[in-house]
Protein backbone atom coordinates (compact mmCIF):
# COMPACT_ATOMS: atom_id res chain seq x y z
CA MET A 1 76.91 59.96 99.25
CA THR A 2 79.26 62.67 100.23
CA LEU A 3 81.91 62.28 102.99
CA ASP A 4 81.94 64.94 105.53
CA ILE A 5 86.06 64.53 105.70
CA ASP A 6 86.22 67.21 108.36
CA ALA A 7 83.62 65.39 110.27
CA LEU A 8 85.46 61.38 110.08
CA ARG A 9 88.91 63.19 110.62
CA ALA A 10 87.46 64.98 113.67
CA ASP A 11 86.42 61.33 114.44
CA THR A 12 90.29 59.82 114.27
CA PRO A 13 92.34 61.63 116.85
CA GLY A 14 95.43 60.31 115.65
CA SER A 15 95.07 62.52 112.32
CA GLU A 16 95.74 65.54 114.08
CA HIS A 17 99.20 64.18 115.59
CA VAL A 18 100.63 62.23 112.13
CA THR A 19 100.58 62.02 108.40
CA HIS A 20 99.28 58.51 108.51
CA LEU A 21 99.69 56.89 105.24
CA ASN A 22 100.05 53.42 106.20
CA ASN A 23 96.19 51.95 106.33
CA ALA A 24 97.21 48.87 104.43
CA GLY A 25 99.14 48.01 107.40
CA SER A 26 97.13 49.05 110.15
CA SER A 27 94.68 52.21 110.08
CA LEU A 28 94.05 54.97 112.56
CA GLN A 29 90.93 53.65 114.64
CA PRO A 30 87.83 55.54 114.58
CA MET A 31 86.54 56.97 118.18
CA PRO A 32 83.35 54.84 118.47
CA VAL A 33 85.73 51.84 117.79
CA ALA A 34 88.45 52.61 120.39
CA VAL A 35 85.63 53.70 123.08
CA ALA A 36 83.80 50.82 122.66
CA VAL A 37 87.20 48.46 123.53
CA ARG A 38 88.08 50.66 126.15
CA ASP A 39 84.83 50.51 127.66
CA TYR A 40 84.97 46.95 127.32
CA LEU A 41 88.63 46.77 128.91
CA GLU A 42 87.33 48.97 132.08
CA GLU A 43 84.55 47.13 132.29
CA GLU A 44 86.37 43.77 132.90
CA LEU A 45 88.93 45.40 135.21
CA LEU A 46 86.07 46.28 137.48
CA ARG A 47 83.69 43.24 136.88
CA GLY A 48 85.94 40.26 135.89
CA GLY A 49 86.31 38.51 132.45
CA TYR A 50 83.54 36.07 132.16
CA GLU A 51 81.25 37.93 133.98
CA THR A 52 81.63 41.09 131.68
CA ALA A 53 81.54 38.41 128.27
CA ASP A 54 77.96 37.38 129.97
CA ALA A 55 76.64 41.23 130.56
CA ARG A 56 77.69 42.18 127.56
CA ARG A 57 76.83 39.29 125.04
CA SER A 58 74.67 40.98 122.58
CA GLU A 59 77.15 43.36 121.64
CA ILE A 60 79.75 40.74 121.56
CA GLU A 61 77.20 38.32 118.86
CA ASP A 62 76.97 41.89 117.22
CA PHE A 63 80.37 41.03 115.41
CA TYR A 64 78.83 38.42 113.24
CA PRO A 65 75.95 40.40 111.92
CA ALA A 66 78.13 43.15 111.42
CA VAL A 67 80.59 41.62 109.85
CA ALA A 68 78.06 39.18 107.23
CA ASP A 69 76.25 42.52 106.43
CA LEU A 70 79.66 44.93 105.47
CA ILE A 71 80.63 41.66 102.68
CA GLY A 72 76.90 40.41 101.87
CA GLY A 73 77.12 37.26 103.65
CA ARG A 74 74.84 35.94 106.36
CA ALA A 75 75.93 35.83 110.44
CA ASP A 76 76.30 32.27 110.83
CA GLU A 77 79.06 31.95 107.84
CA ILE A 78 81.46 33.63 110.13
CA GLY A 79 83.83 32.84 112.33
CA PHE A 80 85.87 35.13 114.51
CA LEU A 81 89.90 34.69 114.47
CA ASP A 82 92.65 36.34 115.94
CA SER A 83 93.82 37.05 112.52
CA ALA A 84 93.95 37.03 108.77
CA THR A 85 96.36 34.61 108.41
CA ARG A 86 95.01 32.62 111.01
CA ALA A 87 91.79 32.43 109.35
CA TRP A 88 93.46 31.73 106.03
CA GLN A 89 95.59 28.83 107.26
CA LEU A 90 92.55 26.97 108.76
CA VAL A 91 90.55 27.19 105.71
CA PHE A 92 93.38 26.00 103.77
CA TYR A 93 94.66 23.39 106.05
CA SER A 94 91.14 21.49 106.42
CA LEU A 95 91.03 21.39 102.56
CA GLY A 96 92.45 17.99 102.90
CA LEU A 97 94.47 18.48 99.46
CA ALA A 98 96.86 15.45 98.76
CA ALA A 99 99.55 14.46 96.35
CA GLY A 100 99.03 15.10 92.86
CA ASP A 101 96.24 18.08 93.73
CA GLN A 102 96.88 21.37 92.06
CA ILE A 103 97.15 24.92 93.94
CA LEU A 104 96.37 27.77 91.39
CA THR A 105 97.31 31.15 92.35
CA THR A 106 98.82 34.20 90.69
CA THR A 107 101.73 35.93 90.46
CA THR A 108 101.42 38.65 93.42
CA GLU A 109 100.54 36.03 95.73
CA TYR A 110 101.19 37.30 99.82
CA HIS A 111 104.09 35.47 101.65
CA SER A 112 102.27 33.59 103.75
CA ASN A 113 100.00 32.16 101.77
CA PHE A 114 102.61 30.78 99.42
CA LEU A 115 104.78 29.58 102.20
CA ALA A 116 101.83 27.15 102.89
CA TYR A 117 101.65 26.05 99.34
CA LEU A 118 105.07 25.50 99.63
CA HIS A 119 104.99 23.33 102.75
CA LEU A 120 102.15 21.04 101.17
CA ALA A 121 104.27 20.97 98.35
CA GLN A 122 107.09 19.99 100.21
CA SER A 123 104.84 17.60 102.79
CA ASP A 124 102.34 16.37 101.04
CA GLY A 125 103.17 16.17 97.02
CA VAL A 126 100.82 19.09 96.54
CA GLU A 127 101.35 20.93 93.03
CA ILE A 128 101.67 24.71 92.69
CA VAL A 129 100.77 26.25 89.69
CA VAL A 130 101.22 30.19 89.02
CA ALA A 131 98.57 31.74 86.50
CA PRO A 132 100.31 34.79 84.72
CA ASP A 133 99.84 38.19 84.82
CA ALA A 134 97.92 40.08 81.88
CA PRO A 135 99.29 43.14 79.83
CA SER A 136 98.21 45.62 82.61
CA GLY A 137 99.20 43.56 85.57
CA GLU A 138 96.21 41.72 87.47
CA VAL A 139 96.00 38.12 86.95
CA ASP A 140 95.21 37.04 83.65
CA VAL A 141 91.82 35.73 83.95
CA ALA A 142 92.17 33.93 80.53
CA ALA A 143 95.57 32.25 80.87
CA LEU A 144 93.95 31.04 84.78
CA ALA A 145 90.88 29.69 83.05
CA ALA A 146 92.95 27.26 80.48
CA MET A 147 95.23 26.16 83.72
CA VAL A 148 92.25 24.69 85.20
CA GLY A 149 91.97 20.94 84.86
CA PRO A 150 91.00 17.34 86.59
CA ARG A 151 94.07 18.00 88.99
CA THR A 152 92.95 21.55 90.18
CA LYS A 153 91.69 21.52 93.73
CA LEU A 154 92.01 24.62 94.65
CA ILE A 155 91.79 28.46 93.08
CA SER A 156 93.57 30.38 95.82
CA LEU A 157 94.73 34.44 95.61
CA ASN A 158 94.63 37.81 96.81
CA HIS A 159 92.30 40.66 96.14
CA ILE A 160 94.46 43.08 96.18
CA PRO A 161 98.21 42.17 96.89
CA THR A 162 100.58 43.72 99.53
CA ASN A 163 102.97 45.12 97.29
CA LEU A 164 101.24 47.30 94.33
CA GLY A 165 98.06 49.30 93.72
CA LEU A 166 96.15 46.84 91.50
CA VAL A 167 92.81 44.73 92.15
CA ASN A 168 92.40 41.44 91.04
CA PRO A 169 89.16 40.25 88.72
CA ALA A 170 87.81 38.09 91.96
CA ALA A 171 84.09 37.90 90.40
CA GLU A 172 85.63 36.53 86.69
CA ILE A 173 87.69 34.15 88.69
CA GLY A 174 84.78 33.26 90.59
CA VAL A 175 82.67 32.35 87.62
CA VAL A 176 85.66 30.19 86.46
CA ALA A 177 85.97 28.29 89.88
CA ARG A 178 81.84 28.17 89.75
CA GLU A 179 82.01 26.47 86.23
CA ALA A 180 84.91 23.83 86.66
CA GLY A 181 83.52 22.85 90.38
CA VAL A 182 87.06 24.09 91.81
CA PRO A 183 86.88 25.70 95.73
CA PHE A 184 87.76 29.28 95.51
CA LEU A 185 89.46 31.01 98.60
CA LEU A 186 90.06 34.89 98.37
CA ASP A 187 92.54 36.74 100.52
CA ALA A 188 90.67 40.11 101.09
CA CYS A 189 92.87 41.48 104.01
CA GLN A 190 93.53 44.56 101.59
CA SER A 191 90.18 45.12 100.01
CA VAL A 192 87.23 44.56 102.71
CA GLY A 193 86.60 48.08 104.11
CA GLN A 194 88.63 49.54 100.89
CA LEU A 195 86.23 48.69 98.17
CA PRO A 196 82.57 47.31 98.23
CA VAL A 197 82.69 43.36 98.32
CA ASP A 198 80.06 41.29 97.96
CA VAL A 199 80.82 37.43 98.57
CA ARG A 200 77.72 36.35 96.62
CA SER A 201 78.47 38.15 93.46
CA ILE A 202 82.42 37.89 93.85
CA GLY A 203 81.50 33.85 93.52
CA CYS A 204 83.97 32.70 96.18
CA ASP A 205 83.60 29.81 98.85
CA PHE A 206 85.93 31.67 101.04
CA LEU A 207 87.02 34.95 102.49
CA THR A 208 89.37 35.77 105.16
CA ALA A 209 90.38 39.64 106.29
CA THR A 210 91.74 40.87 109.10
CA GLY A 211 90.15 43.84 111.10
CA ARG A 212 93.61 45.99 111.31
CA LYS A 213 93.69 47.45 107.71
CA PHE A 214 91.12 49.09 106.05
CA MET A 215 88.19 47.78 108.15
CA ARG A 216 90.34 50.05 110.72
CA GLY A 217 89.51 47.87 113.63
CA PRO A 218 91.74 46.25 116.43
CA ARG A 219 94.91 44.75 116.12
CA GLY A 220 94.71 41.29 116.56
CA THR A 221 91.27 40.45 115.06
CA GLY A 222 89.90 38.95 111.74
CA PHE A 223 87.49 36.59 110.19
CA VAL A 224 86.58 33.73 107.94
CA TRP A 225 83.65 33.68 105.99
CA VAL A 226 82.61 29.96 104.15
CA ALA A 227 79.58 29.91 102.03
CA ARG A 228 76.73 27.47 103.97
CA GLU A 229 76.74 25.55 101.16
CA ARG A 230 80.63 24.74 101.75
CA ILE A 231 80.32 24.48 105.71
CA GLU A 232 79.38 21.05 106.00
CA SER A 233 82.00 19.31 103.75
CA ILE A 234 84.94 21.44 105.19
CA HIS A 235 86.72 19.63 108.77
CA PRO A 236 88.62 21.99 110.49
CA VAL A 237 92.51 20.64 110.92
CA VAL A 238 91.56 21.94 115.01
CA VAL A 239 88.51 21.38 117.00
CA ASP A 240 87.94 22.60 120.58
CA GLY A 241 85.48 22.84 123.32
CA HIS A 242 83.80 26.06 121.47
CA SER A 243 83.84 24.95 117.67
CA ALA A 244 82.38 21.32 118.62
CA ALA A 245 80.09 19.74 121.43
CA TRP A 246 81.21 16.17 122.92
CA THR A 247 78.27 14.48 122.10
CA SER A 248 79.05 11.10 123.77
CA ARG A 249 82.66 9.57 124.80
CA HIS A 250 83.53 8.64 120.84
CA GLY A 251 81.83 11.31 119.29
CA TYR A 252 81.39 15.07 118.84
CA GLU A 253 79.60 17.29 116.48
CA LEU A 254 81.00 20.32 115.29
CA GLU A 255 79.65 23.63 115.15
CA PRO A 256 76.83 24.09 111.58
CA ASN A 257 78.49 27.34 111.25
CA GLY A 258 81.61 29.34 110.77
CA ARG A 259 81.93 28.94 114.40
CA ARG A 260 83.74 25.76 113.81
CA PHE A 261 86.55 27.72 113.33
CA GLU A 262 86.92 29.42 116.11
CA VAL A 263 88.27 28.59 119.30
CA TRP A 264 86.92 29.04 123.32
CA GLU A 265 89.21 31.88 124.41
CA GLN A 266 88.82 35.04 122.49
CA ASN A 267 89.65 38.52 122.83
CA PHE A 268 86.18 39.66 123.38
CA ALA A 269 86.98 43.11 123.63
CA ALA A 270 88.60 43.35 120.52
CA LYS A 271 85.69 41.35 118.45
CA VAL A 272 83.63 43.85 119.84
CA GLY A 273 85.80 46.49 118.39
CA LEU A 274 85.56 44.80 115.07
CA GLY A 275 81.79 44.38 115.45
CA VAL A 276 81.97 47.81 115.75
CA ALA A 277 84.09 48.89 112.76
CA ALA A 278 82.14 46.38 110.88
CA ARG A 279 79.19 49.03 111.54
CA TYR A 280 81.17 52.15 111.06
CA ALA A 281 82.14 50.93 107.63
CA SER A 282 79.26 50.17 106.63
CA ALA A 283 77.65 53.67 107.75
CA VAL A 284 80.16 55.73 106.12
CA GLY A 285 79.27 54.14 103.00
CA VAL A 286 81.89 51.90 101.29
CA GLU A 287 80.61 52.84 97.76
CA ALA A 288 81.96 56.58 98.85
CA GLY A 289 84.76 55.52 100.44
CA TRP A 290 86.26 53.51 97.49
CA ASP A 291 85.52 56.72 95.39
CA ARG A 292 87.26 58.58 97.61
CA ILE A 293 90.40 56.05 98.05
CA GLN A 294 90.84 56.00 94.25
CA ALA A 295 90.63 59.54 93.57
CA LEU A 296 93.27 60.28 96.25
CA ALA A 297 95.72 56.88 95.56
CA GLY A 298 95.44 58.39 91.71
CA SER A 299 96.50 62.11 92.65
CA LEU A 300 99.37 60.60 94.82
CA ARG A 301 100.52 58.17 91.98
CA ALA A 302 100.33 61.59 89.66
CA MET A 303 102.32 63.36 92.00
CA LEU A 304 104.78 61.30 92.55
CA ASN A 305 105.61 60.37 89.09
CA ASP A 306 106.51 64.61 88.49
CA VAL A 307 109.43 63.85 91.24
CA PRO A 308 113.03 63.79 89.61
CA GLY A 309 114.66 60.30 91.04
CA VAL A 310 110.99 58.49 91.90
CA THR A 311 109.14 55.77 90.23
CA THR A 312 105.70 54.50 90.81
CA ARG A 313 105.27 50.86 90.56
CA ASP A 314 101.68 50.30 90.44
CA ARG A 315 100.17 47.86 88.25
CA GLY A 316 96.39 46.94 87.22
CA SER A 317 93.34 47.76 85.13
CA VAL A 318 91.87 48.69 88.32
CA GLN A 319 94.10 50.38 91.16
CA GLY A 320 93.37 50.98 94.90
CA GLY A 321 94.56 52.67 98.01
CA ILE A 322 98.08 51.43 97.78
CA VAL A 323 100.84 53.68 96.01
CA THR A 324 103.79 51.84 96.12
CA PHE A 325 107.58 53.56 94.49
CA THR A 326 111.06 53.62 94.50
CA VAL A 327 113.72 55.94 95.35
CA ASP A 328 117.30 56.04 92.67
CA GLY A 329 120.11 55.17 94.95
CA VAL A 330 117.81 54.73 98.44
CA HIS A 331 116.77 51.15 99.86
CA SER A 332 112.91 51.35 100.51
CA SER A 333 113.11 50.81 104.31
CA ASP A 334 115.21 53.68 104.53
CA VAL A 335 112.78 56.60 103.10
CA SER A 336 110.15 54.73 104.73
CA ARG A 337 112.29 54.89 108.07
CA GLU A 338 112.92 58.98 107.11
CA LEU A 339 109.41 59.81 106.52
CA ARG A 340 108.26 58.17 110.03
CA SER A 341 110.89 60.40 111.68
CA ARG A 342 109.33 63.36 110.04
CA TYR A 343 105.65 61.95 111.24
CA ILE A 344 104.37 60.38 107.87
CA HIS A 345 103.44 57.06 108.46
CA THR A 346 104.60 54.55 105.55
CA SER A 347 105.79 51.24 105.05
CA PHE A 348 107.79 48.87 102.55
CA ALA A 349 107.87 45.61 100.50
CA THR A 350 110.65 43.42 100.13
CA VAL A 351 110.95 40.90 97.18
CA ALA A 352 110.32 38.34 100.47
CA SER A 353 106.74 39.84 100.64
CA ALA A 354 105.54 38.71 97.19
CA ARG A 355 108.61 37.06 95.43
CA VAL A 356 107.53 35.86 92.40
CA ASP A 357 106.09 38.98 91.41
CA MET A 358 109.23 41.22 92.59
CA GLU A 359 111.42 38.82 91.13
CA GLU A 360 109.73 38.85 87.31
CA ARG A 361 109.61 42.85 87.85
CA GLY A 362 113.39 42.98 89.49
CA LEU A 363 112.22 44.77 92.61
CA GLU A 364 114.09 44.13 95.40
CA SER A 365 111.89 46.56 97.38
CA VAL A 366 109.06 49.46 97.21
CA VAL A 367 107.96 51.91 99.51
CA ARG A 368 104.36 51.79 100.38
CA ALA A 369 101.92 54.33 100.85
CA SER A 370 98.05 53.58 101.29
CA VAL A 371 95.48 56.06 101.45
CA HIS A 372 92.13 56.10 103.37
CA TYR A 373 89.30 57.79 102.73
CA PHE A 374 90.08 60.20 105.83
CA ASN A 375 93.25 61.50 104.58
CA SER A 376 93.67 64.75 103.34
CA ASP A 377 95.19 66.80 100.05
CA GLU A 378 97.46 68.13 102.40
CA GLU A 379 98.79 65.08 103.50
CA LEU A 380 99.90 64.28 100.51
CA GLU A 381 101.16 67.20 99.59
CA THR A 382 103.39 66.51 103.06
CA LEU A 383 104.49 63.38 102.09
CA VAL A 384 105.58 64.11 98.07
CA ALA A 385 107.86 67.24 99.59
CA ALA A 386 109.46 64.90 101.72
CA VAL A 387 110.09 62.28 99.19
CA ALA A 388 111.53 65.14 96.62
CA GLU A 389 113.65 66.18 99.65
CA ILE A 390 115.00 62.28 100.26
CA ALA A 391 115.22 62.05 96.50
CA ALA A 392 117.35 65.06 95.93
CA LEU A 393 120.25 64.19 98.91
């Protein structure tokens, strides 16, 4: 499939006003997503919340098959949450990990996830085991497999880190997890919408993701996928009248699907928007989008490497759309701030974002530029020219 970049940019009004290279933070929404959210809110303004939800029930419900189709799952395995972090936490804290249990993770684990590990380590005596990197930078699968033992109760890692451009070999980890009979929780916050994700091929038991990044959905949206064979065995740490039915004075029954992780009160306009975003991503073609993202990111790394005083910091045998770099003598936050003043949108990651990895590499911070399929070669040139000016100051 060949992408029509002009049409995709026409569908992305923000691209006319800014050079948006912060898609790993929050991407620009395409018009169908923005229109779906706007129309829902306008109807809610005139009709009321309950009445609009009833009238648009089919659109709300389409969220489930739309997301399932995007990741190769089933609609009944999906739950809607207000963020990827909330989705991830609900799974993690519902697993019943106890003193002596081991969590096996990676050096590049995201800070919110690692903080949850530390929380259970300090409160319940859970042990955190960090698998080393392969020489190329991604998690060393063989080393991780050798670390699995009788006390390993969870393998949990990111598909793509927040602070560098590598892609972890999730499907290879899935093989290790299945062979060992250990649950596998995959944080796909940066991968869903960026690259092809198929939960069955990966072999994870749980997957969480956000709407606002490479899916190009609304903020305040996320989802959880739970393998059907795992659903009945996991009891959420919180329940309400949506995730469970009060069947008797002393009893209740959980929803027999991914909705057992949801709560009754939801942002239905955003939920509709995320469903539309999932359909949009599938229609554009994730494979074709991934090819373009990798090409753009590779070109950007090459151009940045030619700028005196600039060092790219990405690793990994497979690299995606996140491009990280440093500028000699200038803090990454200052670089990003100066770029934003020129309407060039990037972000930055500090050592606190992924402390194990950043400390091991001796990095305090990095600038993060993240491309999407709608970005243009001219936008990359604009960024590199601005970075060169900053580096020359």
